[in-house]
Amino acid sequence: MPAALIPCLRYQDAPAAIDWLCRVFGFERHLVVPGDDGAILHAELRIDTGAGIGMIMVGSSGRGGAYGDLMVQPGDIAGRQTQTIYLAVADADAVHARARAAGAAMLIDLADEAHGGRGFTCRDSEGHVWSVGTYAPAPAPV
């Protein structure tokens, strides 16, 4: 089986975040497992980037356990990040327009990149940092 990297994110309001990620970035719900009181136990969101299928996993924050105890939200650490996500898209201008319209905080505005491609960096509805652009590195050798 080929290897895959799948970012995992937690949100305080996971149902609203899932809606935002689908509407703004173009993800589609593949699997959503609801829990008690509107929480999301597990969700898989997929996106067809044109170069292949990407996926993230999403769940509600505040759930303990060995994995949950490792996670903090951006608001818990003054918006700082220990990692970010890069989303390769065919049309960065269109995604940028949707992100602005949805109220995303723009951290690095839309621009042509020196290394090729066009992109921007923003915070999603709960402060996770995303870089979005048309630069798509060559696939890693298998």
Protein backbone atom coordinates (compact mmCIF):
# COMPACT_ATOMS: atom_id res chain seq x y z
CA MET A 1 0.00 0.00 0.00
CA PRO A 2 1.40 3.45 -0.87
CA ALA A 3 2.09 5.80 2.02
CA ALA A 4 -0.12 8.81 2.65
CA LEU A 5 0.25 11.86 4.87
CA ILE A 6 -3.03 12.95 6.42
CA PRO A 7 -3.15 16.07 8.60
CA CYS A 8 -5.40 15.79 11.66
CA LEU A 9 -7.09 18.90 13.07
CA ARG A 10 -9.28 19.55 16.10
CA TYR A 11 -11.88 22.32 16.27
CA GLN A 12 -14.01 23.69 19.11
CA ASP A 13 -16.99 23.79 16.75
CA ALA A 14 -16.11 20.95 14.41
CA PRO A 15 -19.45 20.92 12.52
CA ALA A 16 -19.07 24.63 11.67
CA ALA A 17 -15.40 24.13 10.77
CA ILE A 18 -16.30 21.25 8.44
CA ASP A 19 -18.87 23.48 6.71
CA TRP A 20 -16.25 26.26 6.40
CA LEU A 21 -13.53 23.96 5.03
CA CYS A 22 -15.92 22.50 2.45
CA ARG A 23 -17.37 25.85 1.37
CA VAL A 24 -14.09 27.80 1.28
CA PHE A 25 -11.35 25.32 0.38
CA GLY A 26 -13.45 22.82 -1.58
CA PHE A 27 -13.24 19.76 0.66
CA GLU A 28 -16.04 17.19 0.51
CA ARG A 29 -17.36 15.13 3.39
CA HIS A 30 -16.29 11.52 2.99
CA LEU A 31 -17.10 10.29 6.49
CA VAL A 32 -18.51 12.17 9.49
CA VAL A 33 -19.03 10.35 12.80
CA PRO A 34 -21.11 12.45 15.20
CA GLY A 35 -20.83 12.10 18.97
CA ASP A 36 -22.80 13.44 21.89
CA ASP A 37 -23.88 17.08 22.15
CA GLY A 38 -23.02 17.92 18.53
CA ALA A 39 -19.38 16.86 18.82
CA ILE A 40 -17.59 15.19 15.92
CA LEU A 41 -15.77 12.04 16.96
CA HIS A 42 -14.07 11.66 13.58
CA ALA A 43 -14.45 13.15 10.12
CA GLU A 44 -12.63 12.56 6.86
CA LEU A 45 -12.71 15.39 4.35
CA ARG A 46 -11.39 14.79 0.85
CA ILE A 47 -10.40 17.14 -1.93
CA ASP A 48 -9.58 16.52 -5.57
CA THR A 49 -6.69 18.87 -6.27
CA GLY A 50 -6.45 17.89 -9.92
CA ALA A 51 -3.13 16.20 -9.13
CA GLY A 52 -4.72 13.58 -6.90
CA ILE A 53 -6.97 13.15 -3.92
CA GLY A 54 -5.99 14.76 -0.62
CA MET A 55 -7.55 14.22 2.78
CA ILE A 56 -7.64 15.71 6.25
CA MET A 57 -9.17 14.25 9.39
CA VAL A 58 -11.16 16.52 11.71
CA GLY A 59 -12.58 16.08 15.18
CA SER A 60 -13.96 18.11 18.05
CA SER A 61 -11.48 19.53 20.55
CA GLY A 62 -11.91 19.00 24.26
CA ARG A 63 -11.97 15.25 23.94
CA GLY A 64 -9.39 13.73 26.26
CA GLY A 65 -7.55 10.50 25.86
CA ALA A 66 -3.97 9.83 24.90
CA TYR A 67 -4.26 11.60 21.52
CA GLY A 68 -6.56 14.41 22.62
CA ASP A 69 -4.25 15.29 25.51
CA LEU A 70 -1.49 16.05 22.98
CA MET A 71 -3.56 18.68 21.17
CA VAL A 72 -4.13 22.37 21.87
CA GLN A 73 -6.07 24.90 19.84
CA PRO A 74 -4.44 27.96 18.24
CA GLY A 75 -6.37 30.19 20.67
CA ASP A 76 -4.78 28.34 23.60
CA ILE A 77 -1.31 29.41 22.46
CA ALA A 78 -1.97 32.97 21.27
CA GLY A 79 -2.57 31.85 17.67
CA ARG A 80 0.92 30.44 17.24
CA GLN A 81 1.44 27.23 15.28
CA THR A 82 3.81 24.31 15.43
CA GLN A 83 2.94 23.27 11.88
CA THR A 84 0.80 24.51 9.03
CA ILE A 85 -0.91 22.96 6.04
CA TYR A 86 -0.21 23.69 2.36
CA LEU A 87 -3.15 23.11 0.04
CA ALA A 88 -2.27 22.94 -3.67
CA VAL A 89 -5.14 24.18 -5.84
CA ALA A 90 -5.70 24.90 -9.52
CA ASP A 91 -7.03 28.45 -8.96
CA ALA A 92 -5.57 30.29 -5.96
CA ASP A 93 -7.40 33.51 -6.89
CA ALA A 94 -10.81 31.82 -6.62
CA VAL A 95 -9.98 30.18 -3.27
CA HIS A 96 -8.56 33.49 -2.01
CA ALA A 97 -11.82 35.26 -2.92
CA ARG A 98 -13.89 32.63 -1.09
CA ALA A 99 -11.60 32.77 1.96
CA ARG A 100 -11.85 36.58 2.14
CA ALA A 101 -15.63 36.44 1.74
CA ALA A 102 -15.80 33.88 4.57
CA GLY A 103 -13.85 36.21 6.87
CA ALA A 104 -10.50 34.40 6.87
CA ALA A 105 -7.72 36.48 8.39
CA MET A 106 -5.15 36.99 5.65
CA LEU A 107 -1.61 36.58 6.98
CA ILE A 108 0.24 36.72 3.65
CA ASP A 109 -1.77 38.21 0.80
CA LEU A 110 -2.21 36.64 -2.62
CA ALA A 111 0.93 36.98 -4.73
CA ASP A 112 3.06 35.29 -7.35
CA GLU A 113 5.77 33.25 -5.63
CA ALA A 114 9.48 33.46 -6.48
CA HIS A 115 9.71 29.63 -6.65
CA GLY A 116 6.71 29.40 -8.99
CA GLY A 117 3.00 29.34 -8.45
CA ARG A 118 0.64 31.84 -6.88
CA GLY A 119 -0.71 31.71 -3.37
CA PHE A 120 -1.60 33.17 0.02
CA THR A 121 -1.63 32.26 3.71
CA CYS A 122 -4.65 32.67 6.00
CA ARG A 123 -6.24 31.49 9.22
CA ASP A 124 -9.33 29.28 8.99
CA SER A 125 -12.48 29.81 11.04
CA GLU A 126 -10.74 28.75 14.28
CA GLY A 127 -7.24 30.06 13.69
CA HIS A 128 -5.38 27.16 12.05
CA VAL A 129 -2.89 28.49 9.49
CA TRP A 130 -3.26 27.36 5.88
CA SER A 131 -1.09 28.24 2.88
CA VAL A 132 -2.99 27.85 -0.36
CA GLY A 133 -1.45 28.06 -3.79
CA THR A 134 -0.91 26.73 -7.26
CA TYR A 135 2.63 25.50 -6.60
CA ALA A 136 2.58 21.72 -6.63
CA PRO A 137 5.91 20.02 -5.93
CA ALA A 138 6.84 17.03 -8.02
CA PRO A 139 5.58 13.77 -6.52
CA ALA A 140 8.04 11.94 -4.33
CA PRO A 141 9.57 8.84 -5.88
CA VAL A 142 7.88 5.60 -4.83
